[in-house]
Amino acid sequence: MKRAAGLATILVFISLNGWSEEIDYDKRNMHIFCASHLSMISEMLDDNADQQQALAMLSSRHRTEARKLGATQTHFEDVSDYLYKTRNNNEPKWNRLTSQSKRVCLPDS
């Protein structure tokens, strides 16, 4: 009987601690940034439907990955708000963020 209680305690401990998946916040935040920035860029394009669709598709993939890592709608809204304000009020910073997005968010050609 003691042995069964000990085994149950170990199983509860493992299920609560050992198998809980750690969230890679850097990866999650990168996906949130990419989803938000690519979405914004795709909305700004009106002359090339193929480019717009490709960016929207990539944005959706990043959004899905971010959600798998625990991202909420609030995370996306906060980043989008920040990006809109930056685009409208700080062109040099917007340009740096766009360059970062090209390096980090787009697949290698």
PDB file of N, CA and C in Angstrom:
ATOM      1  N   MET A   1       0.827  -1.193   0.000  1.00  0.00           N
ATOM      2  CA  MET A   1       0.000   0.000   0.000  1.00  0.00           C
ATOM      3  C   MET A   1       0.873   1.260   0.000  1.00  0.00           C
ATOM      4  N   LYS A   2       1.956   1.230   0.819  1.00  0.00           N
ATOM      5  CA  LYS A   2       2.857   2.374   0.860  1.00  0.00           C
ATOM      6  C   LYS A   2       3.483   2.626  -0.503  1.00  0.00           C
ATOM      7  N   ARG A   3       3.820   1.545  -1.176  1.00  0.00           N
ATOM      8  CA  ARG A   3       4.464   1.650  -2.473  1.00  0.00           C
ATOM      9  C   ARG A   3       3.535   2.310  -3.498  1.00  0.00           C
ATOM     10  N   ALA A   4       2.263   1.959  -3.503  1.00  0.00           N
ATOM     11  CA  ALA A   4       1.291   2.544  -4.425  1.00  0.00           C
ATOM     12  C   ALA A   4       1.115   4.029  -4.156  1.00  0.00           C
ATOM     13  N   ALA A   5       1.084   4.404  -2.891  1.00  0.00           N
ATOM     14  CA  ALA A   5       0.959   5.823  -2.545  1.00  0.00           C
ATOM     15  C   ALA A   5       2.196   6.588  -2.985  1.00  0.00           C
ATOM     16  N   GLY A   6       3.362   5.981  -2.835  1.00  0.00           N
ATOM     17  CA  GLY A   6       4.613   6.619  -3.270  1.00  0.00           C
ATOM     18  C   GLY A   6       4.651   6.808  -4.777  1.00  0.00           C
ATOM     19  N   LEU A   7       4.207   5.786  -5.502  1.00  0.00           N
ATOM     20  CA  LEU A   7       4.160   5.872  -6.963  1.00  0.00           C
ATOM     21  C   LEU A   7       3.180   6.946  -7.418  1.00  0.00           C
ATOM     22  N   ALA A   8       2.036   7.023  -6.767  1.00  0.00           N
ATOM     23  CA  ALA A   8       1.046   8.051  -7.107  1.00  0.00           C
ATOM     24  C   ALA A   8       1.627   9.437  -6.871  1.00  0.00           C
ATOM     25  N   THR A   9       2.352   9.620  -5.783  1.00  0.00           N
ATOM     26  CA  THR A   9       2.966  10.915  -5.479  1.00  0.00           C
ATOM     27  C   THR A   9       3.982  11.286  -6.546  1.00  0.00           C
ATOM     28  N   ILE A  10       4.786  10.315  -6.960  1.00  0.00           N
ATOM     29  CA  ILE A  10       5.787  10.572  -8.002  1.00  0.00           C
ATOM     30  C   ILE A  10       5.107  10.934  -9.315  1.00  0.00           C
ATOM     31  N   LEU A  11       4.063  10.222  -9.695  1.00  0.00           N
ATOM     32  CA  LEU A  11       3.358  10.515 -10.941  1.00  0.00           C
ATOM     33  C   LEU A  11       2.730  11.903 -10.921  1.00  0.00           C
ATOM     34  N   VAL A  12       2.143  12.296  -9.800  1.00  0.00           N
ATOM     35  CA  VAL A  12       1.561  13.635  -9.681  1.00  0.00           C
ATOM     36  C   VAL A  12       2.655  14.679  -9.795  1.00  0.00           C
ATOM     37  N   PHE A  13       3.797  14.466  -9.142  1.00  0.00           N
ATOM     38  CA  PHE A  13       4.903  15.417  -9.191  1.00  0.00           C
ATOM     39  C   PHE A  13       5.423  15.567 -10.622  1.00  0.00           C
ATOM     40  N   ILE A  14       5.596  14.428 -11.311  1.00  0.00           N
ATOM     41  CA  ILE A  14       6.085  14.475 -12.693  1.00  0.00           C
ATOM     42  C   ILE A  14       5.087  15.183 -13.594  1.00  0.00           C
ATOM     43  N   SER A  15       3.820  14.890 -13.436  1.00  0.00           N
ATOM     44  CA  SER A  15       2.827  15.501 -14.323  1.00  0.00           C
ATOM     45  C   SER A  15       2.708  16.999 -14.084  1.00  0.00           C
ATOM     46  N   LEU A  16       2.929  17.445 -12.856  1.00  0.00           N
ATOM     47  CA  LEU A  16       2.836  18.874 -12.571  1.00  0.00           C
ATOM     48  C   LEU A  16       4.107  19.620 -12.939  1.00  0.00           C
ATOM     49  N   ASN A  17       5.256  18.977 -12.790  1.00  0.00           N
ATOM     50  CA  ASN A  17       6.521  19.684 -12.990  1.00  0.00           C
ATOM     51  C   ASN A  17       7.335  19.216 -14.184  1.00  0.00           C
ATOM     52  N   GLY A  18       7.498  17.927 -14.320  1.00  0.00           N
ATOM     53  CA  GLY A  18       8.418  17.393 -15.308  1.00  0.00           C
ATOM     54  C   GLY A  18       7.946  17.494 -16.735  1.00  0.00           C
ATOM     55  N   TRP A  19       6.678  17.408 -16.968  1.00  0.00           N
ATOM     56  CA  TRP A  19       6.195  17.397 -18.332  1.00  0.00           C
ATOM     57  C   TRP A  19       5.554  18.703 -18.759  1.00  0.00           C
ATOM     58  N   SER A  20       5.649  19.703 -17.917  1.00  0.00           N
ATOM     59  CA  SER A  20       5.096  20.994 -18.336  1.00  0.00           C
ATOM     60  C   SER A  20       6.053  21.603 -19.352  1.00  0.00           C
ATOM     61  N   GLU A  21       5.501  22.035 -20.457  1.00  0.00           N
ATOM     62  CA  GLU A  21       6.313  22.559 -21.543  1.00  0.00           C
ATOM     63  C   GLU A  21       6.761  23.981 -21.238  1.00  0.00           C
ATOM     64  N   GLU A  22       8.048  24.200 -21.353  1.00  0.00           N
ATOM     65  CA  GLU A  22       8.605  25.535 -21.158  1.00  0.00           C
ATOM     66  C   GLU A  22       8.298  26.375 -22.393  1.00  0.00           C
ATOM     67  N   ILE A  23       7.969  27.629 -22.172  1.00  0.00           N
ATOM     68  CA  ILE A  23       7.687  28.532 -23.295  1.00  0.00           C
ATOM     69  C   ILE A  23       8.954  29.302 -23.615  1.00  0.00           C
ATOM     70  N   ASP A  24       9.325  29.294 -24.865  1.00  0.00           N
ATOM     71  CA  ASP A  24      10.454  30.080 -25.349  1.00  0.00           C
ATOM     72  C   ASP A  24       9.897  31.467 -25.685  1.00  0.00           C
ATOM     73  N   TYR A  25      10.016  32.385 -24.724  1.00  0.00           N
ATOM     74  CA  TYR A  25       9.424  33.716 -24.891  1.00  0.00           C
ATOM     75  C   TYR A  25      10.084  34.502 -26.018  1.00  0.00           C
ATOM     76  N   ASP A  26      11.367  34.303 -26.233  1.00  0.00           N
ATOM     77  CA  ASP A  26      12.033  34.994 -27.341  1.00  0.00           C
ATOM     78  C   ASP A  26      11.428  34.556 -28.677  1.00  0.00           C
ATOM     79  N   LYS A  27      11.220  33.259 -28.816  1.00  0.00           N
ATOM     80  CA  LYS A  27      10.630  32.729 -30.043  1.00  0.00           C
ATOM     81  C   LYS A  27       9.183  33.212 -30.188  1.00  0.00           C
ATOM     82  N   ARG A  28       8.431  33.166 -29.088  1.00  0.00           N
ATOM     83  CA  ARG A  28       7.043  33.630 -29.128  1.00  0.00           C
ATOM     84  C   ARG A  28       6.986  35.100 -29.536  1.00  0.00           C
ATOM     85  N   ASN A  29       7.820  35.927 -28.925  1.00  0.00           N
ATOM     86  CA  ASN A  29       7.812  37.359 -29.217  1.00  0.00           C
ATOM     87  C   ASN A  29       8.242  37.647 -30.654  1.00  0.00           C
ATOM     88  N   MET A  30       9.188  36.855 -31.163  1.00  0.00           N
ATOM     89  CA  MET A  30       9.600  37.015 -32.552  1.00  0.00           C
ATOM     90  C   MET A  30       8.424  36.716 -33.478  1.00  0.00           C
ATOM     91  N   HIS A  31       7.679  35.651 -33.190  1.00  0.00           N
ATOM     92  CA  HIS A  31       6.527  35.308 -34.029  1.00  0.00           C
ATOM     93  C   HIS A  31       5.436  36.377 -33.929  1.00  0.00           C
ATOM     94  N   ILE A  32       5.223  36.937 -32.742  1.00  0.00           N
ATOM     95  CA  ILE A  32       4.233  38.016 -32.584  1.00  0.00           C
ATOM     96  C   ILE A  32       4.644  39.224 -33.424  1.00  0.00           C
ATOM     97  N   PHE A  33       5.918  39.614 -33.325  1.00  0.00           N
ATOM     98  CA  PHE A  33       6.428  40.740 -34.100  1.00  0.00           C
ATOM     99  C   PHE A  33       6.256  40.480 -35.593  1.00  0.00           C
ATOM    100  N   CYS A  34       6.674  39.299 -36.039  1.00  0.00           N
ATOM    101  CA  CYS A  34       6.602  38.976 -37.470  1.00  0.00           C
ATOM    102  C   CYS A  34       5.160  38.976 -37.965  1.00  0.00           C
ATOM    103  N   ALA A  35       4.277  38.339 -37.224  1.00  0.00           N
ATOM    104  CA  ALA A  35       2.873  38.298 -37.634  1.00  0.00           C
ATOM    105  C   ALA A  35       2.311  39.707 -37.763  1.00  0.00           C
ATOM    106  N   SER A  36       2.607  40.537 -36.792  1.00  0.00           N
ATOM    107  CA  SER A  36       2.064  41.900 -36.772  1.00  0.00           C
ATOM    108  C   SER A  36       2.666  42.763 -37.870  1.00  0.00           C
ATOM    109  N   HIS A  37       3.989  42.712 -38.011  1.00  0.00           N
ATOM    110  CA  HIS A  37       4.656  43.561 -38.999  1.00  0.00           C
ATOM    111  C   HIS A  37       4.301  43.135 -40.423  1.00  0.00           C
ATOM    112  N   LEU A  38       4.331  41.833 -40.701  1.00  0.00           N
ATOM    113  CA  LEU A  38       4.016  41.367 -42.051  1.00  0.00           C
ATOM    114  C   LEU A  38       2.567  41.668 -42.415  1.00  0.00           C
ATOM    115  N   SER A  39       1.690  41.568 -41.441  1.00  0.00           N
ATOM    116  CA  SER A  39       0.289  41.906 -41.685  1.00  0.00           C
ATOM    117  C   SER A  39       0.150  43.384 -42.058  1.00  0.00           C
ATOM    118  N   MET A  40       0.854  44.216 -41.318  1.00  0.00           N
ATOM    119  CA  MET A  40       0.792  45.651 -41.589  1.00  0.00           C
ATOM    120  C   MET A  40       1.359  45.965 -42.968  1.00  0.00           C
ATOM    121  N   ILE A  41       2.475  45.355 -43.312  1.00  0.00           N
ATOM    122  CA  ILE A  41       3.086  45.589 -44.623  1.00  0.00           C
ATOM    123  C   ILE A  41       2.155  45.115 -45.736  1.00  0.00           C
ATOM    124  N   SER A  42       1.541  43.946 -45.546  1.00  0.00           N
ATOM    125  CA  SER A  42       0.649  43.430 -46.600  1.00  0.00           C
ATOM    126  C   SER A  42      -0.543  44.349 -46.804  1.00  0.00           C
ATOM    127  N   GLU A  43      -1.030  44.975 -45.743  1.00  0.00           N
ATOM    128  CA  GLU A  43      -2.142  45.917 -45.867  1.00  0.00           C
ATOM    129  C   GLU A  43      -1.739  47.181 -46.615  1.00  0.00           C
ATOM    130  N   MET A  44      -0.454  47.522 -46.564  1.00  0.00           N
ATOM    131  CA  MET A  44       0.029  48.745 -47.210  1.00  0.00           C
ATOM    132  C   MET A  44       0.229  48.549 -48.711  1.00  0.00           C
ATOM    133  N   LEU A  45       0.338  47.305 -49.153  1.00  0.00           N
ATOM    134  CA  LEU A  45       0.547  47.030 -50.582  1.00  0.00           C
ATOM    135  C   LEU A  45      -0.780  47.016 -51.308  1.00  0.00           C
ATOM    136  N   ASP A  46      -0.887  47.802 -52.345  1.00  0.00           N
ATOM    137  CA  ASP A  46      -2.117  47.749 -53.122  1.00  0.00           C
ATOM    138  C   ASP A  46      -1.853  47.481 -54.590  1.00  0.00           C
ATOM    139  N   ASP A  47      -0.587  47.449 -54.977  1.00  0.00           N
ATOM    140  CA  ASP A  47      -0.306  47.283 -56.393  1.00  0.00           C
ATOM    141  C   ASP A  47       0.081  45.857 -56.777  1.00  0.00           C
ATOM    142  N   ASN A  48       0.403  45.008 -55.825  1.00  0.00           N
ATOM    143  CA  ASN A  48       0.844  43.659 -56.171  1.00  0.00           C
ATOM    144  C   ASN A  48       0.106  42.637 -55.315  1.00  0.00           C
ATOM    145  N   ALA A  49      -0.955  42.082 -55.836  1.00  0.00           N
ATOM    146  CA  ALA A  49      -1.797  41.144 -55.095  1.00  0.00           C
ATOM    147  C   ALA A  49      -1.030  39.888 -54.681  1.00  0.00           C
ATOM    148  N   ASP A  50      -0.098  39.422 -55.530  1.00  0.00           N
ATOM    149  CA  ASP A  50       0.679  38.226 -55.185  1.00  0.00           C
ATOM    150  C   ASP A  50       1.552  38.470 -53.959  1.00  0.00           C
ATOM    151  N   GLN A  51       2.231  39.607 -53.924  1.00  0.00           N
ATOM    152  CA  GLN A  51       3.055  39.951 -52.761  1.00  0.00           C
ATOM    153  C   GLN A  51       2.195  40.086 -51.517  1.00  0.00           C
ATOM    154  N   GLN A  52       1.061  40.730 -51.662  1.00  0.00           N
ATOM    155  CA  GLN A  52       0.161  40.932 -50.537  1.00  0.00           C
ATOM    156  C   GLN A  52      -0.303  39.586 -49.974  1.00  0.00           C
ATOM    157  N   GLN A  53      -0.679  38.667 -50.846  1.00  0.00           N
ATOM    158  CA  GLN A  53      -1.128  37.348 -50.402  1.00  0.00           C
ATOM    159  C   GLN A  53       0.000  36.564 -49.737  1.00  0.00           C
ATOM    160  N   ALA A  54       1.206  36.653 -50.292  1.00  0.00           N
ATOM    161  CA  ALA A  54       2.353  35.942 -49.717  1.00  0.00           C
ATOM    162  C   ALA A  54       2.662  36.454 -48.313  1.00  0.00           C
ATOM    163  N   LEU A  55       2.652  37.772 -48.143  1.00  0.00           N
ATOM    164  CA  LEU A  55       2.926  38.346 -46.824  1.00  0.00           C
ATOM    165  C   LEU A  55       1.820  38.007 -45.826  1.00  0.00           C
ATOM    166  N   ALA A  56       0.586  38.024 -46.291  1.00  0.00           N
ATOM    167  CA  ALA A  56      -0.528  37.665 -45.413  1.00  0.00           C
ATOM    168  C   ALA A  56      -0.425  36.202 -44.981  1.00  0.00           C
ATOM    169  N   MET A  57      -0.010  35.333 -45.890  1.00  0.00           N
ATOM    170  CA  MET A  57       0.159  33.926 -45.564  1.00  0.00           C
ATOM    171  C   MET A  57       1.289  33.733 -44.539  1.00  0.00           C
ATOM    172  N   LEU A  58       2.411  34.412 -44.745  1.00  0.00           N
ATOM    173  CA  LEU A  58       3.520  34.328 -43.785  1.00  0.00           C
ATOM    174  C   LEU A  58       3.110  34.878 -42.425  1.00  0.00           C
ATOM    175  N   SER A  59       2.369  35.963 -42.437  1.00  0.00           N
ATOM    176  CA  SER A  59       1.876  36.543 -41.188  1.00  0.00           C
ATOM    177  C   SER A  59       1.013  35.536 -40.438  1.00  0.00           C
ATOM    178  N   SER A  60       0.159  34.856 -41.170  1.00  0.00           N
ATOM    179  CA  SER A  60      -0.719  33.858 -40.562  1.00  0.00           C
ATOM    180  C   SER A  60       0.081  32.706 -39.961  1.00  0.00           C
ATOM    181  N   ARG A  61       1.118  32.281 -40.648  1.00  0.00           N
ATOM    182  CA  ARG A  61       1.974  31.204 -40.110  1.00  0.00           C
ATOM    183  C   ARG A  61       2.648  31.639 -38.809  1.00  0.00           C
ATOM    184  N   HIS A  62       3.173  32.857 -38.803  1.00  0.00           N
ATOM    185  CA  HIS A  62       3.809  33.365 -37.580  1.00  0.00           C
ATOM    186  C   HIS A  62       2.781  33.483 -36.457  1.00  0.00           C
ATOM    187  N   ARG A  63       1.584  33.932 -36.780  1.00  0.00           N
ATOM    188  CA  ARG A  63       0.519  34.060 -35.782  1.00  0.00           C
ATOM    189  C   ARG A  63       0.188  32.687 -35.172  1.00  0.00           C
ATOM    190  N   THR A  64       0.087  31.678 -36.011  1.00  0.00           N
ATOM    191  CA  THR A  64      -0.206  30.327 -35.537  1.00  0.00           C
ATOM    192  C   THR A  64       0.894  29.831 -34.598  1.00  0.00           C
ATOM    193  N   GLU A  65       2.146  30.045 -34.981  1.00  0.00           N
ATOM    194  CA  GLU A  65       3.265  29.605 -34.135  1.00  0.00           C
ATOM    195  C   GLU A  65       3.280  30.362 -32.811  1.00  0.00           C
ATOM    196  N   ALA A  66       2.992  31.651 -32.856  1.00  0.00           N
ATOM    197  CA  ALA A  66       2.963  32.449 -31.622  1.00  0.00           C
ATOM    198  C   ALA A  66       1.861  31.957 -30.690  1.00  0.00           C
ATOM    199  N   ARG A  67       0.718  31.631 -31.247  1.00  0.00           N
ATOM    200  CA  ARG A  67      -0.389  31.117 -30.429  1.00  0.00           C
ATOM    201  C   ARG A  67      -0.036  29.787 -29.789  1.00  0.00           C
ATOM    202  N   LYS A  68       0.683  28.939 -30.517  1.00  0.00           N
ATOM    203  CA  LYS A  68       1.131  27.666 -29.948  1.00  0.00           C
ATOM    204  C   LYS A  68       2.025  27.902 -28.730  1.00  0.00           C
ATOM    205  N   LEU A  69       2.702  29.051 -28.714  1.00  0.00           N
ATOM    206  CA  LEU A  69       3.606  29.389 -27.612  1.00  0.00           C
ATOM    207  C   LEU A  69       2.932  30.284 -26.570  1.00  0.00           C
ATOM    208  N   GLY A  70       1.611  30.387 -26.627  1.00  0.00           N
ATOM    209  CA  GLY A  70       0.866  31.086 -25.589  1.00  0.00           C
ATOM    210  C   GLY A  70       0.521  32.534 -25.860  1.00  0.00           C
ATOM    211  N   ALA A  71       0.739  33.011 -27.064  1.00  0.00           N
ATOM    212  CA  ALA A  71       0.405  34.397 -27.381  1.00  0.00           C
ATOM    213  C   ALA A  71      -1.112  34.583 -27.377  1.00  0.00           C
ATOM    214  N   THR A  72      -1.530  35.726 -26.886  1.00  0.00           N
ATOM    215  CA  THR A  72      -2.949  36.063 -26.835  1.00  0.00           C
ATOM    216  C   THR A  72      -3.245  37.199 -27.809  1.00  0.00           C
ATOM    217  N   GLN A  73      -4.515  37.463 -28.013  1.00  0.00           N
ATOM    218  CA  GLN A  73      -4.918  38.569 -28.887  1.00  0.00           C
ATOM    219  C   GLN A  73      -4.355  39.893 -28.367  1.00  0.00           C
ATOM    220  N   THR A  74      -4.286  40.035 -27.071  1.00  0.00           N
ATOM    221  CA  THR A  74      -3.732  41.262 -26.473  1.00  0.00           C
ATOM    222  C   THR A  74      -2.284  41.460 -26.878  1.00  0.00           C
ATOM    223  N   HIS A  75      -1.503  40.383 -26.928  1.00  0.00           N
ATOM    224  CA  HIS A  75      -0.105  40.498 -27.361  1.00  0.00           C
ATOM    225  C   HIS A  75      -0.038  41.078 -28.770  1.00  0.00           C
ATOM    226  N   PHE A  76      -0.855  40.528 -29.666  1.00  0.00           N
ATOM    227  CA  PHE A  76      -0.840  40.997 -31.051  1.00  0.00           C
ATOM    228  C   PHE A  76      -1.319  42.453 -31.147  1.00  0.00           C
ATOM    229  N   GLU A  77      -2.345  42.797 -30.395  1.00  0.00           N
ATOM    230  CA  GLU A  77      -2.864  44.168 -30.421  1.00  0.00           C
ATOM    231  C   GLU A  77      -1.829  45.159 -29.897  1.00  0.00           C
ATOM    232  N   ASP A  78      -1.141  44.803 -28.820  1.00  0.00           N
ATOM    233  CA  ASP A  78      -0.117  45.695 -28.265  1.00  0.00           C
ATOM    234  C   ASP A  78       1.007  45.948 -29.260  1.00  0.00           C
ATOM    235  N   VAL A  79       1.477  44.884 -29.906  1.00  0.00           N
ATOM    236  CA  VAL A  79       2.567  45.037 -30.878  1.00  0.00           C
ATOM    237  C   VAL A  79       2.077  45.819 -32.095  1.00  0.00           C
ATOM    238  N   SER A  80       0.884  45.533 -32.565  1.00  0.00           N
ATOM    239  CA  SER A  80       0.346  46.268 -33.718  1.00  0.00           C
ATOM    240  C   SER A  80       0.193  47.752 -33.408  1.00  0.00           C
ATOM    241  N   ASP A  81      -0.317  48.066 -32.225  1.00  0.00           N
ATOM    242  CA  ASP A  81      -0.444  49.475 -31.816  1.00  0.00           C
ATOM    243  C   ASP A  81       0.918  50.158 -31.824  1.00  0.00           C
ATOM    244  N   TYR A  82       1.913  49.476 -31.259  1.00  0.00           N
ATOM    245  CA  TYR A  82       3.274  50.025 -31.229  1.00  0.00           C
ATOM    246  C   TYR A  82       3.800  50.252 -32.641  1.00  0.00           C
ATOM    247  N   LEU A  83       3.588  49.281 -33.524  1.00  0.00           N
ATOM    248  CA  LEU A  83       4.085  49.414 -34.890  1.00  0.00           C
ATOM    249  C   LEU A  83       3.393  50.557 -35.638  1.00  0.00           C
ATOM    250  N   TYR A  84       2.085  50.704 -35.476  1.00  0.00           N
ATOM    251  CA  TYR A  84       1.368  51.813 -36.124  1.00  0.00           C
ATOM    252  C   TYR A  84       1.878  53.163 -35.632  1.00  0.00           C
ATOM    253  N   LYS A  85       2.064  53.275 -34.321  1.00  0.00           N
ATOM    254  CA  LYS A  85       2.569  54.537 -33.768  1.00  0.00           C
ATOM    255  C   LYS A  85       3.974  54.820 -34.276  1.00  0.00           C
ATOM    256  N   THR A  86       4.811  53.803 -34.332  1.00  0.00           N
ATOM    257  CA  THR A  86       6.180  53.985 -34.810  1.00  0.00           C
ATOM    258  C   THR A  86       6.183  54.388 -36.274  1.00  0.00           C
ATOM    259  N   ARG A  87       5.378  53.708 -37.078  1.00  0.00           N
ATOM    260  CA  ARG A  87       5.324  54.033 -38.508  1.00  0.00           C
ATOM    261  C   ARG A  87       4.895  55.481 -38.728  1.00  0.00           C
ATOM    262  N   ASN A  88       3.953  55.929 -37.938  1.00  0.00           N
ATOM    263  CA  ASN A  88       3.416  57.280 -38.124  1.00  0.00           C
ATOM    264  C   ASN A  88       4.258  58.372 -37.483  1.00  0.00           C
ATOM    265  N   ASN A  89       5.094  58.035 -36.507  1.00  0.00           N
ATOM    266  CA  ASN A  89       5.778  59.081 -35.740  1.00  0.00           C
ATOM    267  C   ASN A  89       7.301  59.005 -35.729  1.00  0.00           C
ATOM    268  N   ASN A  90       7.880  57.906 -36.205  1.00  0.00           N
ATOM    269  CA  ASN A  90       9.328  57.764 -36.098  1.00  0.00           C
ATOM    270  C   ASN A  90       9.844  56.951 -37.291  1.00  0.00           C
ATOM    271  N   GLU A  91      10.033  57.637 -38.392  1.00  0.00           N
ATOM    272  CA  GLU A  91      10.421  56.954 -39.626  1.00  0.00           C
ATOM    273  C   GLU A  91      11.736  56.190 -39.509  1.00  0.00           C
ATOM    274  N   PRO A  92      12.784  56.751 -38.887  1.00  0.00           N
ATOM    275  CA  PRO A  92      14.029  55.972 -38.765  1.00  0.00           C
ATOM    276  C   PRO A  92      13.834  54.659 -37.994  1.00  0.00           C
ATOM    277  N   LYS A  93      13.076  54.719 -36.917  1.00  0.00           N
ATOM    278  CA  LYS A  93      12.826  53.502 -36.150  1.00  0.00           C
ATOM    279  C   LYS A  93      11.979  52.519 -36.964  1.00  0.00           C
ATOM    280  N   TRP A  94      10.989  53.017 -37.683  1.00  0.00           N
ATOM    281  CA  TRP A  94      10.169  52.169 -38.539  1.00  0.00           C
ATOM    282  C   TRP A  94      11.043  51.474 -39.577  1.00  0.00           C
ATOM    283  N   ASN A  95      11.962  52.198 -40.166  1.00  0.00           N
ATOM    284  CA  ASN A  95      12.858  51.614 -41.163  1.00  0.00           C
ATOM    285  C   ASN A  95      13.740  50.525 -40.546  1.00  0.00           C
ATOM    286  N   ARG A  96      14.220  50.736 -39.322  1.00  0.00           N
ATOM    287  CA  ARG A  96      15.013  49.709 -38.637  1.00  0.00           C
ATOM    288  C   ARG A  96      14.166  48.461 -38.358  1.00  0.00           C
ATOM    289  N   LEU A  97      12.937  48.670 -37.922  1.00  0.00           N
ATOM    290  CA  LEU A  97      12.056  47.531 -37.662  1.00  0.00           C
ATOM    291  C   LEU A  97      11.750  46.763 -38.949  1.00  0.00           C
ATOM    292  N   THR A  98      11.584  47.483 -40.034  1.00  0.00           N
ATOM    293  CA  THR A  98      11.327  46.842 -41.324  1.00  0.00           C
ATOM    294  C   THR A  98      12.539  46.035 -41.773  1.00  0.00           C
ATOM    295  N   SER A  99      13.721  46.578 -41.580  1.00  0.00           N
ATOM    296  CA  SER A  99      14.939  45.831 -41.912  1.00  0.00           C
ATOM    297  C   SER A  99      15.062  44.584 -41.054  1.00  0.00           C
ATOM    298  N   GLN A 100      14.752  44.709 -39.780  1.00  0.00           N
ATOM    299  CA  GLN A 100      14.787  43.556 -38.885  1.00  0.00           C
ATOM    300  C   GLN A 100      13.766  42.512 -39.333  1.00  0.00           C
ATOM    301  N   SER A 101      12.598  42.966 -39.720  1.00  0.00           N
ATOM    302  CA  SER A 101      11.564  42.050 -40.189  1.00  0.00           C
ATOM    303  C   SER A 101      12.020  41.273 -41.414  1.00  0.00           C
ATOM    304  N   LYS A 102      12.701  41.942 -42.330  1.00  0.00           N
ATOM    305  CA  LYS A 102      13.221  41.268 -43.537  1.00  0.00           C
ATOM    306  C   LYS A 102      14.207  40.180 -43.154  1.00  0.00           C
ATOM    307  N   ARG A 103      15.056  40.455 -42.170  1.00  0.00           N
ATOM    308  CA  ARG A 103      16.065  39.459 -41.751  1.00  0.00           C
ATOM    309  C   ARG A 103      15.461  38.297 -40.992  1.00  0.00           C
ATOM    310  N   VAL A 104      14.493  38.593 -40.127  1.00  0.00           N
ATOM    311  CA  VAL A 104      14.010  37.602 -39.170  1.00  0.00           C
ATOM    312  C   VAL A 104      12.747  36.878 -39.634  1.00  0.00           C
ATOM    313  N   CYS A 105      11.880  37.576 -40.323  1.00  0.00           N
ATOM    314  CA  CYS A 105      10.533  37.042 -40.588  1.00  0.00           C
ATOM    315  C   CYS A 105      10.364  36.364 -41.934  1.00  0.00           C
ATOM    316  N   LEU A 106      11.160  36.756 -42.905  1.00  0.00           N
ATOM    317  CA  LEU A 106      10.990  36.202 -44.247  1.00  0.00           C
ATOM    318  C   LEU A 106      11.863  34.977 -44.425  1.00  0.00           C
ATOM    319  N   PRO A 107      11.360  33.972 -45.131  1.00  0.00           N
ATOM    320  CA  PRO A 107      12.179  32.777 -45.362  1.00  0.00           C
ATOM    321  C   PRO A 107      13.377  33.106 -46.241  1.00  0.00           C
ATOM    322  N   ASP A 108      14.433  32.340 -46.064  1.00  0.00           N
ATOM    323  CA  ASP A 108      15.613  32.523 -46.923  1.00  0.00           C
ATOM    324  C   ASP A 108      15.255  32.170 -48.349  1.00  0.00           C
ATOM    325  N   SER A 109      15.800  32.956 -49.280  1.00  0.00           N
ATOM    326  CA  SER A 109      15.482  32.686 -50.680  1.00  0.00           C
ATOM    327  C   SER A 109      16.392  31.649 -51.262  1.00  0.00           C
TER     328      SER A 109
END
